[in-house]
Amino acid sequence: MSATHESTIKPHDSKLLDEYLQFLEIHRGLAKGTISIRAYHVAKYLAALDIRRTPEGVEGISVGRTHDYVIKTASSMRRGSLKSLVSSLRSFLRFAYIKGYTERSLVNAVPIIHTYKLDSIPRVIPWEYIQKLLAAPRRDTHSGRRDYAILQLLATYGVRMGRVTKLKIEDIDWDQHLIRFPSQKRGNNLCFPLLRPSLFHRA
C-alpha cells in the first residue's frame, strides 16, 4: 500500500470502518498489508455512498447503489486493483450482515467482473519469452540469420523496430566499438557501446 493510500484512510472518520478493521484483525487474523488494502477500498465505498453506522446511514448499503458503485469504480482500474476492490467489498458486506447491519447478505450485490491475465499490454517482456523468440528463427538459412540478428538487436539495445530496419553496416564503428541507430521522425541518433559477442543475450 502506497503512502498516498495510507494518507487517504488514516485517521478513519467512520466508526463502522474501524469496527470492520478490528474484526479483520481480531477475528480473521489478516495481515496488516491485507487489512490496509481492505481499508482503502471500503473507506472509499463508505464515503461515496455516505454510509455511517446509524439507521439512516446503513440503509445506504443497498444492492443497486453497491452494484452501480462497483461498475463505475472498476472502469478505471487495473486487473490487480479490480480484484482487490471486489474482494474487499464482498468481505465488508459479509461482515455487515453478520453484525446485523443489513437484513440480508448483500455480497452478491458486488458484480463478478472477469479479468484476464493478458488483458493489457505488458510494460516489459519476461526474459523467458525473449528466449523463445530468439530460438524461433532457423539460423541455418539466410533469412533466419537475418531475423535472429534483428531480434538480438531489439533484445540487447531495447530500440524500436524502425531503427533496426534502417541500420546499415556504416552505422557500426568497429574502431570505436560503437553502434549508431538512425533517428526516427527527426529525432536524435542513438549511440551505444558495441557489445562483444560473448555479452550478447543467447537463446
N, C-alpha and C. Protein backbone atom coordinates (compact mmCIF):
# COMPACT_ATOMS: atom_id res chain seq x y z
N MET A 1 0.85 -1.19 0.00
CA MET A 1 0.00 0.00 0.00
C MET A 1 0.88 1.23 0.00
N SER A 2 0.58 2.15 -0.90
CA SER A 2 1.40 3.34 -1.04
C SER A 2 1.09 4.33 0.06
N ALA A 3 2.02 5.32 0.21
CA ALA A 3 1.81 6.36 1.22
C ALA A 3 0.56 7.16 0.91
N THR A 4 0.25 7.31 -0.39
CA THR A 4 -0.94 8.06 -0.79
C THR A 4 -2.18 7.37 -0.27
N HIS A 5 -2.24 6.04 -0.43
CA HIS A 5 -3.40 5.31 0.03
C HIS A 5 -3.52 5.41 1.54
N GLU A 6 -2.43 5.28 2.26
CA GLU A 6 -2.47 5.32 3.70
C GLU A 6 -2.96 6.67 4.20
N SER A 7 -2.51 7.74 3.55
CA SER A 7 -2.92 9.07 3.98
C SER A 7 -4.39 9.31 3.69
N THR A 8 -4.96 8.55 2.74
CA THR A 8 -6.36 8.70 2.40
C THR A 8 -7.26 8.09 3.46
N ILE A 9 -6.80 7.02 4.11
CA ILE A 9 -7.68 6.29 5.01
C ILE A 9 -7.34 6.50 6.48
N LYS A 10 -6.32 7.24 6.79
CA LYS A 10 -5.95 7.45 8.19
C LYS A 10 -5.91 8.95 8.50
N PRO A 11 -6.48 9.41 9.61
CA PRO A 11 -7.28 8.60 10.53
C PRO A 11 -8.67 8.32 9.97
N HIS A 12 -9.32 7.23 10.40
CA HIS A 12 -10.65 6.88 9.91
C HIS A 12 -11.69 7.79 10.54
N ASP A 13 -12.63 8.22 9.74
CA ASP A 13 -13.70 9.05 10.26
C ASP A 13 -15.01 8.27 10.30
N SER A 14 -14.91 6.94 10.20
CA SER A 14 -16.09 6.10 10.21
C SER A 14 -15.95 5.03 11.29
N LYS A 15 -16.83 5.06 12.28
CA LYS A 15 -16.81 4.03 13.32
C LYS A 15 -17.12 2.66 12.72
N LEU A 16 -17.95 2.65 11.68
CA LEU A 16 -18.28 1.39 11.02
C LEU A 16 -17.04 0.79 10.38
N LEU A 17 -16.23 1.62 9.75
CA LEU A 17 -14.99 1.13 9.14
C LEU A 17 -14.02 0.63 10.20
N ASP A 18 -13.89 1.39 11.28
CA ASP A 18 -12.99 0.97 12.36
C ASP A 18 -13.42 -0.38 12.93
N GLU A 19 -14.71 -0.54 13.10
CA GLU A 19 -15.22 -1.80 13.64
C GLU A 19 -14.92 -2.96 12.69
N TYR A 20 -15.06 -2.71 11.39
CA TYR A 20 -14.77 -3.73 10.38
C TYR A 20 -13.29 -4.11 10.40
N LEU A 21 -12.42 -3.12 10.50
CA LEU A 21 -10.98 -3.40 10.51
C LEU A 21 -10.56 -4.18 11.75
N GLN A 22 -11.18 -3.85 12.89
CA GLN A 22 -10.90 -4.62 14.11
C GLN A 22 -11.36 -6.06 13.95
N PHE A 23 -12.47 -6.24 13.27
CA PHE A 23 -12.99 -7.59 13.01
C PHE A 23 -11.99 -8.38 12.16
N LEU A 24 -11.41 -7.74 11.16
CA LEU A 24 -10.44 -8.41 10.30
C LEU A 24 -9.19 -8.81 11.09
N GLU A 25 -8.77 -7.93 11.98
CA GLU A 25 -7.55 -8.18 12.72
C GLU A 25 -7.74 -9.22 13.82
N ILE A 26 -8.84 -9.08 14.59
CA ILE A 26 -9.03 -9.94 15.75
C ILE A 26 -9.64 -11.29 15.40
N HIS A 27 -10.68 -11.26 14.56
CA HIS A 27 -11.42 -12.49 14.27
C HIS A 27 -10.95 -13.20 13.00
N ARG A 28 -10.44 -12.45 12.06
CA ARG A 28 -9.97 -13.08 10.83
C ARG A 28 -8.46 -13.29 10.83
N GLY A 29 -7.75 -12.54 11.65
CA GLY A 29 -6.31 -12.69 11.74
C GLY A 29 -5.56 -12.35 10.46
N LEU A 30 -6.06 -11.37 9.72
CA LEU A 30 -5.42 -11.00 8.46
C LEU A 30 -4.15 -10.19 8.70
N ALA A 31 -3.26 -10.25 7.72
CA ALA A 31 -2.01 -9.50 7.80
C ALA A 31 -2.30 -8.00 7.66
N LYS A 32 -1.40 -7.17 8.20
CA LYS A 32 -1.60 -5.72 8.17
C LYS A 32 -1.70 -5.20 6.74
N GLY A 33 -0.90 -5.79 5.84
CA GLY A 33 -0.95 -5.34 4.45
C GLY A 33 -2.31 -5.58 3.82
N THR A 34 -2.89 -6.75 4.10
CA THR A 34 -4.21 -7.07 3.56
C THR A 34 -5.27 -6.17 4.16
N ILE A 35 -5.18 -5.93 5.47
CA ILE A 35 -6.14 -5.05 6.14
C ILE A 35 -6.07 -3.64 5.57
N SER A 36 -4.87 -3.18 5.26
CA SER A 36 -4.70 -1.84 4.70
C SER A 36 -5.38 -1.73 3.35
N ILE A 37 -5.26 -2.78 2.54
CA ILE A 37 -5.92 -2.78 1.22
C ILE A 37 -7.43 -2.78 1.39
N ARG A 38 -7.93 -3.62 2.31
CA ARG A 38 -9.37 -3.66 2.58
C ARG A 38 -9.85 -2.27 3.03
N ALA A 39 -9.08 -1.66 3.93
CA ALA A 39 -9.47 -0.35 4.46
C ALA A 39 -9.57 0.69 3.35
N TYR A 40 -8.62 0.68 2.44
CA TYR A 40 -8.61 1.67 1.36
C TYR A 40 -9.88 1.58 0.51
N HIS A 41 -10.21 0.38 0.07
CA HIS A 41 -11.37 0.21 -0.82
C HIS A 41 -12.69 0.44 -0.08
N VAL A 42 -12.80 -0.07 1.15
CA VAL A 42 -14.05 0.08 1.89
C VAL A 42 -14.26 1.53 2.31
N ALA A 43 -13.18 2.24 2.66
CA ALA A 43 -13.30 3.65 3.03
C ALA A 43 -13.86 4.47 1.87
N LYS A 44 -13.36 4.22 0.67
CA LYS A 44 -13.87 4.95 -0.50
C LYS A 44 -15.33 4.61 -0.77
N TYR A 45 -15.68 3.36 -0.57
CA TYR A 45 -17.06 2.91 -0.77
C TYR A 45 -18.01 3.59 0.21
N LEU A 46 -17.64 3.60 1.50
CA LEU A 46 -18.48 4.23 2.52
C LEU A 46 -18.62 5.73 2.28
N ALA A 47 -17.52 6.35 1.87
CA ALA A 47 -17.56 7.80 1.63
C ALA A 47 -18.42 8.13 0.42
N ALA A 48 -18.29 7.34 -0.65
CA ALA A 48 -19.04 7.61 -1.88
C ALA A 48 -20.54 7.47 -1.66
N LEU A 49 -20.93 6.49 -0.84
CA LEU A 49 -22.35 6.26 -0.59
C LEU A 49 -22.84 6.95 0.68
N ASP A 50 -21.94 7.69 1.36
CA ASP A 50 -22.26 8.40 2.59
C ASP A 50 -22.89 7.45 3.62
N ILE A 51 -22.20 6.33 3.83
CA ILE A 51 -22.71 5.32 4.76
C ILE A 51 -22.09 5.52 6.13
N ARG A 52 -22.95 5.59 7.16
CA ARG A 52 -22.49 5.73 8.54
C ARG A 52 -23.15 4.63 9.38
N ARG A 53 -22.67 4.43 10.59
CA ARG A 53 -23.26 3.42 11.45
C ARG A 53 -24.44 4.03 12.21
N THR A 54 -25.43 4.41 11.45
CA THR A 54 -26.69 4.91 12.01
C THR A 54 -27.80 4.24 11.21
N PRO A 55 -29.00 4.20 11.73
CA PRO A 55 -30.10 3.58 10.97
C PRO A 55 -30.24 4.17 9.57
N GLU A 56 -30.10 5.50 9.49
CA GLU A 56 -30.25 6.14 8.18
C GLU A 56 -29.06 5.82 7.27
N GLY A 57 -27.87 5.83 7.89
CA GLY A 57 -26.68 5.61 7.08
C GLY A 57 -26.58 4.20 6.55
N VAL A 58 -26.87 3.21 7.41
CA VAL A 58 -26.76 1.82 6.99
C VAL A 58 -27.76 1.49 5.89
N GLU A 59 -28.85 2.22 5.83
CA GLU A 59 -29.82 1.99 4.77
C GLU A 59 -29.22 2.28 3.39
N GLY A 60 -28.11 3.03 3.40
CA GLY A 60 -27.47 3.32 2.12
C GLY A 60 -26.77 2.12 1.51
N ILE A 61 -26.59 1.06 2.31
CA ILE A 61 -25.98 -0.16 1.78
C ILE A 61 -27.08 -0.96 1.09
N SER A 62 -27.22 -0.74 -0.18
CA SER A 62 -28.27 -1.42 -0.95
C SER A 62 -27.67 -2.12 -2.15
N VAL A 63 -28.43 -3.02 -2.72
CA VAL A 63 -27.97 -3.78 -3.88
C VAL A 63 -27.67 -2.85 -5.05
N GLY A 64 -28.61 -1.98 -5.35
CA GLY A 64 -28.46 -1.11 -6.52
C GLY A 64 -27.28 -0.15 -6.39
N ARG A 65 -27.16 0.53 -5.26
CA ARG A 65 -26.09 1.51 -5.07
C ARG A 65 -24.73 0.83 -5.06
N THR A 66 -24.66 -0.35 -4.43
CA THR A 66 -23.40 -1.08 -4.39
C THR A 66 -22.99 -1.53 -5.78
N HIS A 67 -23.93 -2.08 -6.51
CA HIS A 67 -23.65 -2.54 -7.88
C HIS A 67 -23.17 -1.39 -8.75
N ASP A 68 -23.88 -0.28 -8.70
CA ASP A 68 -23.51 0.88 -9.52
C ASP A 68 -22.14 1.42 -9.14
N TYR A 69 -21.84 1.43 -7.85
CA TYR A 69 -20.53 1.93 -7.40
C TYR A 69 -19.40 1.07 -7.95
N VAL A 70 -19.56 -0.24 -7.88
CA VAL A 70 -18.51 -1.13 -8.36
C VAL A 70 -18.29 -0.97 -9.86
N ILE A 71 -19.36 -0.92 -10.61
CA ILE A 71 -19.25 -0.77 -12.07
C ILE A 71 -18.55 0.53 -12.43
N LYS A 72 -18.91 1.62 -11.77
CA LYS A 72 -18.31 2.92 -12.06
C LYS A 72 -16.84 2.95 -11.65
N THR A 73 -16.55 2.43 -10.46
CA THR A 73 -15.18 2.47 -9.95
C THR A 73 -14.26 1.55 -10.74
N ALA A 74 -14.76 0.40 -11.13
CA ALA A 74 -13.94 -0.61 -11.81
C ALA A 74 -13.51 -0.17 -13.20
N SER A 75 -14.24 0.76 -13.80
CA SER A 75 -13.96 1.15 -15.18
C SER A 75 -12.57 1.76 -15.36
N SER A 76 -12.00 2.31 -14.29
CA SER A 76 -10.69 2.97 -14.40
C SER A 76 -9.60 2.19 -13.66
N MET A 77 -9.87 0.93 -13.33
CA MET A 77 -8.93 0.15 -12.53
C MET A 77 -8.18 -0.88 -13.36
N ARG A 78 -6.98 -1.19 -12.90
CA ARG A 78 -6.21 -2.27 -13.48
C ARG A 78 -6.66 -3.60 -12.87
N ARG A 79 -6.15 -4.67 -13.45
CA ARG A 79 -6.59 -6.01 -13.06
C ARG A 79 -6.38 -6.28 -11.57
N GLY A 80 -5.17 -5.99 -11.06
CA GLY A 80 -4.87 -6.27 -9.67
C GLY A 80 -5.74 -5.48 -8.71
N SER A 81 -5.93 -4.18 -8.98
CA SER A 81 -6.75 -3.33 -8.12
C SER A 81 -8.22 -3.74 -8.18
N LEU A 82 -8.65 -4.18 -9.34
CA LEU A 82 -10.04 -4.60 -9.51
C LEU A 82 -10.35 -5.81 -8.64
N LYS A 83 -9.44 -6.76 -8.62
CA LYS A 83 -9.63 -7.94 -7.78
C LYS A 83 -9.68 -7.56 -6.30
N SER A 84 -8.84 -6.61 -5.91
CA SER A 84 -8.82 -6.16 -4.52
C SER A 84 -10.12 -5.45 -4.16
N LEU A 85 -10.64 -4.65 -5.07
CA LEU A 85 -11.90 -3.95 -4.84
C LEU A 85 -13.04 -4.94 -4.58
N VAL A 86 -13.17 -5.91 -5.46
CA VAL A 86 -14.26 -6.87 -5.36
C VAL A 86 -14.15 -7.68 -4.07
N SER A 87 -12.97 -8.19 -3.77
CA SER A 87 -12.81 -9.00 -2.57
C SER A 87 -13.01 -8.17 -1.30
N SER A 88 -12.58 -6.90 -1.32
CA SER A 88 -12.74 -6.04 -0.14
C SER A 88 -14.21 -5.76 0.14
N LEU A 89 -14.96 -5.40 -0.89
CA LEU A 89 -16.37 -5.08 -0.68
C LEU A 89 -17.19 -6.31 -0.31
N ARG A 90 -16.85 -7.44 -0.90
CA ARG A 90 -17.55 -8.68 -0.53
C ARG A 90 -17.29 -9.01 0.94
N SER A 91 -16.04 -8.83 1.36
CA SER A 91 -15.68 -9.08 2.75
C SER A 91 -16.45 -8.16 3.69
N PHE A 92 -16.52 -6.87 3.33
CA PHE A 92 -17.21 -5.90 4.19
C PHE A 92 -18.71 -6.20 4.26
N LEU A 93 -19.33 -6.50 3.15
CA LEU A 93 -20.76 -6.78 3.14
C LEU A 93 -21.09 -8.06 3.91
N ARG A 94 -20.18 -8.99 3.89
CA ARG A 94 -20.36 -10.21 4.69
C ARG A 94 -20.31 -9.85 6.18
N PHE A 95 -19.39 -8.97 6.54
CA PHE A 95 -19.28 -8.50 7.92
C PHE A 95 -20.55 -7.75 8.33
N ALA A 96 -21.05 -6.88 7.46
CA ALA A 96 -22.23 -6.08 7.78
C ALA A 96 -23.44 -6.97 8.05
N TYR A 97 -23.53 -8.07 7.32
CA TYR A 97 -24.66 -8.99 7.53
C TYR A 97 -24.50 -9.75 8.84
N ILE A 98 -23.28 -10.20 9.12
CA ILE A 98 -23.01 -10.93 10.36
C ILE A 98 -23.34 -10.06 11.58
N LYS A 99 -23.01 -8.76 11.49
CA LYS A 99 -23.25 -7.84 12.61
C LYS A 99 -24.70 -7.37 12.68
N GLY A 100 -25.50 -7.71 11.70
CA GLY A 100 -26.89 -7.32 11.71
C GLY A 100 -27.17 -5.95 11.17
N TYR A 101 -26.19 -5.35 10.48
CA TYR A 101 -26.39 -4.02 9.91
C TYR A 101 -27.20 -4.08 8.61
N THR A 102 -27.29 -5.23 8.01
CA THR A 102 -28.15 -5.43 6.84
C THR A 102 -29.06 -6.62 7.14
N GLU A 103 -30.29 -6.54 6.64
CA GLU A 103 -31.27 -7.59 6.91
C GLU A 103 -30.94 -8.89 6.18
N ARG A 104 -30.24 -8.78 5.07
CA ARG A 104 -29.84 -9.96 4.31
C ARG A 104 -28.45 -9.73 3.74
N SER A 105 -27.82 -10.81 3.36
CA SER A 105 -26.48 -10.70 2.81
C SER A 105 -26.53 -10.01 1.46
N LEU A 106 -25.68 -8.99 1.30
CA LEU A 106 -25.61 -8.25 0.04
C LEU A 106 -24.31 -8.53 -0.72
N VAL A 107 -23.68 -9.64 -0.38
CA VAL A 107 -22.42 -9.98 -1.04
C VAL A 107 -22.59 -10.07 -2.54
N ASN A 108 -23.69 -10.65 -2.98
CA ASN A 108 -23.92 -10.81 -4.42
C ASN A 108 -24.23 -9.50 -5.13
N ALA A 109 -24.37 -8.42 -4.35
CA ALA A 109 -24.56 -7.11 -4.98
C ALA A 109 -23.29 -6.65 -5.66
N VAL A 110 -22.16 -7.22 -5.24
CA VAL A 110 -20.88 -6.90 -5.89
C VAL A 110 -20.77 -7.77 -7.13
N PRO A 111 -20.85 -7.18 -8.31
CA PRO A 111 -20.84 -7.99 -9.54
C PRO A 111 -19.51 -8.69 -9.75
N ILE A 112 -19.59 -9.86 -10.37
CA ILE A 112 -18.38 -10.59 -10.74
C ILE A 112 -17.85 -10.00 -12.05
N ILE A 113 -16.70 -9.39 -11.98
CA ILE A 113 -16.10 -8.77 -13.17
C ILE A 113 -14.92 -9.62 -13.59
N HIS A 114 -15.05 -10.23 -14.74
CA HIS A 114 -14.00 -11.13 -15.21
C HIS A 114 -12.75 -10.34 -15.60
N THR A 115 -11.62 -10.82 -15.16
CA THR A 115 -10.34 -10.24 -15.54
C THR A 115 -9.49 -11.32 -16.21
N TYR A 116 -8.63 -10.88 -17.12
CA TYR A 116 -7.81 -11.82 -17.87
C TYR A 116 -6.35 -11.47 -17.70
N LYS A 117 -5.52 -12.48 -17.63
CA LYS A 117 -4.11 -12.29 -17.37
C LYS A 117 -3.46 -11.39 -18.41
N LEU A 118 -3.85 -11.52 -19.68
CA LEU A 118 -3.23 -10.75 -20.75
C LEU A 118 -4.19 -9.71 -21.33
N ASP A 119 -5.01 -9.09 -20.44
CA ASP A 119 -5.99 -8.11 -20.93
C ASP A 119 -5.39 -6.73 -21.16
N SER A 120 -4.11 -6.55 -20.86
CA SER A 120 -3.46 -5.27 -21.12
C SER A 120 -2.05 -5.51 -21.64
N ILE A 121 -1.49 -4.49 -22.27
CA ILE A 121 -0.15 -4.61 -22.83
C ILE A 121 0.87 -4.59 -21.69
N PRO A 122 1.72 -5.62 -21.60
CA PRO A 122 2.70 -5.63 -20.51
C PRO A 122 3.75 -4.55 -20.70
N ARG A 123 4.26 -4.00 -19.60
CA ARG A 123 5.29 -2.97 -19.67
C ARG A 123 6.62 -3.55 -20.10
N VAL A 124 6.87 -4.78 -19.70
CA VAL A 124 8.11 -5.46 -20.07
C VAL A 124 7.78 -6.87 -20.52
N ILE A 125 8.67 -7.44 -21.34
CA ILE A 125 8.51 -8.81 -21.79
C ILE A 125 9.38 -9.70 -20.93
N PRO A 126 8.82 -10.73 -20.31
CA PRO A 126 9.63 -11.63 -19.48
C PRO A 126 10.76 -12.25 -20.29
N TRP A 127 11.91 -12.45 -19.65
CA TRP A 127 13.08 -12.98 -20.33
C TRP A 127 12.81 -14.34 -20.96
N GLU A 128 11.97 -15.17 -20.34
CA GLU A 128 11.68 -16.48 -20.89
C GLU A 128 10.99 -16.36 -22.26
N TYR A 129 10.19 -15.32 -22.45
CA TYR A 129 9.54 -15.11 -23.74
C TYR A 129 10.56 -14.67 -24.79
N ILE A 130 11.51 -13.82 -24.35
CA ILE A 130 12.56 -13.37 -25.27
C ILE A 130 13.40 -14.55 -25.73
N GLN A 131 13.70 -15.46 -24.82
CA GLN A 131 14.47 -16.65 -25.18
C GLN A 131 13.74 -17.48 -26.23
N LYS A 132 12.44 -17.59 -26.08
CA LYS A 132 11.66 -18.34 -27.07
C LYS A 132 11.69 -17.65 -28.44
N LEU A 133 11.63 -16.32 -28.43
CA LEU A 133 11.71 -15.57 -29.69
C LEU A 133 13.06 -15.77 -30.37
N LEU A 134 14.13 -15.71 -29.57
CA LEU A 134 15.47 -15.87 -30.12
C LEU A 134 15.70 -17.28 -30.66
N ALA A 135 15.00 -18.24 -30.11
CA ALA A 135 15.17 -19.63 -30.55
C ALA A 135 14.32 -19.96 -31.78
N ALA A 136 13.41 -19.05 -32.14
CA ALA A 136 12.48 -19.34 -33.23
C ALA A 136 13.11 -19.33 -34.63
N PRO A 137 13.96 -18.33 -35.00
CA PRO A 137 14.50 -18.30 -36.36
C PRO A 137 15.41 -19.49 -36.66
N ARG A 138 15.34 -19.98 -37.90
CA ARG A 138 16.25 -21.05 -38.35
C ARG A 138 17.58 -20.41 -38.77
N ARG A 139 18.59 -20.61 -37.97
CA ARG A 139 19.85 -19.91 -38.20
C ARG A 139 20.73 -20.61 -39.24
N ASP A 140 20.20 -21.66 -39.86
CA ASP A 140 20.93 -22.30 -40.95
C ASP A 140 20.48 -21.78 -42.31
N THR A 141 19.64 -20.72 -42.29
CA THR A 141 19.19 -20.08 -43.53
C THR A 141 19.53 -18.60 -43.47
N HIS A 142 19.61 -17.98 -44.65
CA HIS A 142 19.93 -16.55 -44.73
C HIS A 142 18.87 -15.72 -44.01
N SER A 143 17.59 -15.99 -44.30
CA SER A 143 16.52 -15.21 -43.69
C SER A 143 16.45 -15.46 -42.18
N GLY A 144 16.77 -16.69 -41.76
CA GLY A 144 16.74 -17.00 -40.35
C GLY A 144 17.82 -16.25 -39.59
N ARG A 145 19.03 -16.18 -40.18
CA ARG A 145 20.12 -15.45 -39.53
C ARG A 145 19.80 -13.96 -39.47
N ARG A 146 19.17 -13.45 -40.51
CA ARG A 146 18.76 -12.04 -40.52
C ARG A 146 17.75 -11.77 -39.40
N ASP A 147 16.73 -12.64 -39.30
CA ASP A 147 15.71 -12.46 -38.26
C ASP A 147 16.33 -12.58 -36.86
N TYR A 148 17.26 -13.50 -36.70
CA TYR A 148 17.91 -13.67 -35.41
C TYR A 148 18.71 -12.42 -35.03
N ALA A 149 19.41 -11.86 -36.01
CA ALA A 149 20.20 -10.65 -35.76
C ALA A 149 19.28 -9.49 -35.36
N ILE A 150 18.14 -9.38 -36.02
CA ILE A 150 17.19 -8.32 -35.68
C ILE A 150 16.67 -8.48 -34.26
N LEU A 151 16.31 -9.72 -33.90
CA LEU A 151 15.82 -9.97 -32.55
C LEU A 151 16.90 -9.72 -31.50
N GLN A 152 18.15 -10.06 -31.83
CA GLN A 152 19.24 -9.79 -30.89
C GLN A 152 19.40 -8.30 -30.65
N LEU A 153 19.31 -7.51 -31.70
CA LEU A 153 19.44 -6.06 -31.55
C LEU A 153 18.30 -5.49 -30.70
N LEU A 154 17.10 -5.96 -30.96
CA LEU A 154 15.94 -5.48 -30.20
C LEU A 154 16.07 -5.84 -28.72
N ALA A 155 16.48 -7.08 -28.45
CA ALA A 155 16.57 -7.55 -27.07
C ALA A 155 17.74 -6.92 -26.33
N THR A 156 18.84 -6.67 -27.05
CA THR A 156 20.05 -6.18 -26.40
C THR A 156 20.02 -4.68 -26.15
N TYR A 157 19.56 -3.93 -27.15
CA TYR A 157 19.63 -2.47 -27.04
C TYR A 157 18.28 -1.82 -26.72
N GLY A 158 17.19 -2.56 -26.82
CA GLY A 158 15.89 -2.01 -26.46
C GLY A 158 15.40 -0.91 -27.38
N VAL A 159 15.83 -0.92 -28.62
CA VAL A 159 15.41 0.12 -29.57
C VAL A 159 14.15 -0.33 -30.30
N ARG A 160 13.52 0.60 -30.99
CA ARG A 160 12.33 0.29 -31.76
C ARG A 160 12.69 -0.39 -33.07
N MET A 161 11.72 -1.11 -33.59
CA MET A 161 11.93 -1.86 -34.82
C MET A 161 12.35 -0.97 -35.97
N GLY A 162 11.79 0.25 -36.02
CA GLY A 162 12.10 1.15 -37.13
C GLY A 162 13.57 1.52 -37.19
N ARG A 163 14.20 1.66 -36.04
CA ARG A 163 15.64 1.99 -36.01
C ARG A 163 16.47 0.81 -36.50
N VAL A 164 16.03 -0.39 -36.16
CA VAL A 164 16.80 -1.57 -36.58
C VAL A 164 16.72 -1.76 -38.09
N THR A 165 15.54 -1.56 -38.65
CA THR A 165 15.39 -1.78 -40.10
C THR A 165 16.16 -0.74 -40.92
N LYS A 166 16.44 0.42 -40.33
CA LYS A 166 17.22 1.45 -41.02
C LYS A 166 18.72 1.29 -40.82
N LEU A 167 19.12 0.37 -40.00
CA LEU A 167 20.53 0.20 -39.67
C LEU A 167 21.33 -0.27 -40.89
N LYS A 168 22.50 0.36 -41.09
CA LYS A 168 23.40 -0.02 -42.18
C LYS A 168 24.76 -0.40 -41.60
N ILE A 169 25.55 -1.09 -42.41
CA ILE A 169 26.86 -1.54 -41.93
C ILE A 169 27.74 -0.36 -41.53
N GLU A 170 27.53 0.82 -42.20
CA GLU A 170 28.32 2.00 -41.86
C GLU A 170 27.99 2.55 -40.48
N ASP A 171 26.84 2.14 -39.93
CA ASP A 171 26.45 2.64 -38.62
C ASP A 171 27.21 1.94 -37.48
N ILE A 172 28.01 0.96 -37.83
CA ILE A 172 28.81 0.26 -36.82
C ILE A 172 30.26 0.76 -36.91
N ASP A 173 30.72 1.39 -35.85
CA ASP A 173 32.08 1.89 -35.79
C ASP A 173 32.94 0.85 -35.08
N TRP A 174 33.63 0.04 -35.88
CA TRP A 174 34.40 -1.06 -35.31
C TRP A 174 35.59 -0.57 -34.50
N ASP A 175 36.19 0.55 -34.94
CA ASP A 175 37.36 1.06 -34.24
C ASP A 175 37.00 1.62 -32.87
N GLN A 176 35.86 2.34 -32.79
CA GLN A 176 35.43 2.94 -31.53
C GLN A 176 34.51 2.02 -30.72
N HIS A 177 34.20 0.89 -31.31
CA HIS A 177 33.31 -0.08 -30.66
C HIS A 177 31.96 0.55 -30.31
N LEU A 178 31.38 1.19 -31.32
CA LEU A 178 30.08 1.85 -31.14
C LEU A 178 29.11 1.40 -32.22
N ILE A 179 27.84 1.43 -31.89
CA ILE A 179 26.79 1.17 -32.87
C ILE A 179 25.80 2.32 -32.79
N ARG A 180 25.47 2.88 -33.94
CA ARG A 180 24.58 4.05 -34.01
C ARG A 180 23.29 3.66 -34.72
N PHE A 181 22.19 3.92 -34.07
CA PHE A 181 20.90 3.64 -34.66
C PHE A 181 20.34 4.95 -35.23
N PRO A 182 19.97 4.96 -36.51
CA PRO A 182 19.46 6.18 -37.15
C PRO A 182 18.23 6.73 -36.45
N SER A 183 18.05 8.03 -36.55
CA SER A 183 16.92 8.70 -35.92
C SER A 183 15.62 8.35 -36.62
N GLN A 184 14.52 8.58 -35.91
CA GLN A 184 13.19 8.38 -36.47
C GLN A 184 12.39 9.67 -36.30
N LYS A 185 11.74 10.08 -37.36
CA LYS A 185 10.87 11.25 -37.31
C LYS A 185 11.60 12.46 -36.72
N ARG A 186 12.76 12.79 -37.24
CA ARG A 186 13.54 13.96 -36.84
C ARG A 186 14.07 13.87 -35.41
N GLY A 187 14.10 12.67 -34.87
CA GLY A 187 14.67 12.50 -33.54
C GLY A 187 16.18 12.41 -33.60
N ASN A 188 16.80 12.13 -32.48
CA ASN A 188 18.25 12.04 -32.41
C ASN A 188 18.72 10.62 -32.67
N ASN A 189 19.93 10.52 -33.21
CA ASN A 189 20.54 9.21 -33.35
C ASN A 189 20.83 8.63 -31.96
N LEU A 190 20.78 7.32 -31.86
CA LEU A 190 21.11 6.66 -30.62
C LEU A 190 22.45 5.95 -30.78
N CYS A 191 23.31 6.12 -29.79
CA CYS A 191 24.65 5.54 -29.87
C CYS A 191 24.91 4.70 -28.62
N PHE A 192 25.33 3.45 -28.83
CA PHE A 192 25.59 2.54 -27.73
C PHE A 192 26.96 1.88 -27.91
N PRO A 193 27.57 1.45 -26.82
CA PRO A 193 28.80 0.66 -26.94
C PRO A 193 28.49 -0.64 -27.68
N LEU A 194 29.36 -1.03 -28.56
CA LEU A 194 29.17 -2.27 -29.32
C LEU A 194 29.58 -3.43 -28.43
N LEU A 195 28.63 -4.25 -28.09
CA LEU A 195 28.91 -5.37 -27.20
C LEU A 195 29.68 -6.48 -27.92
N ARG A 196 30.56 -7.11 -27.19
CA ARG A 196 31.27 -8.25 -27.74
C ARG A 196 30.30 -9.42 -27.89
N PRO A 197 30.55 -10.31 -28.80
CA PRO A 197 29.63 -11.45 -29.00
C PRO A 197 29.32 -12.20 -27.72
N SER A 198 30.29 -12.31 -26.82
CA SER A 198 30.09 -13.06 -25.60
C SER A 198 29.12 -12.37 -24.65
N LEU A 199 28.87 -11.05 -24.86
CA LEU A 199 27.98 -10.30 -23.98
C LEU A 199 26.55 -10.25 -24.50
N PHE A 200 26.35 -10.71 -25.75
CA PHE A 200 25.01 -10.69 -26.30
C PHE A 200 24.17 -11.75 -25.61
N HIS A 201 22.87 -11.46 -25.54
CA HIS A 201 21.96 -12.47 -24.99
C HIS A 201 21.95 -13.66 -25.92
N ARG A 202 21.99 -14.82 -25.35
CA ARG A 202 21.97 -16.03 -26.15
C ARG A 202 20.65 -16.78 -25.95
N ALA A 203 20.21 -17.41 -27.02
CA ALA A 203 18.96 -18.16 -26.94
C ALA A 203 19.22 -19.50 -26.26
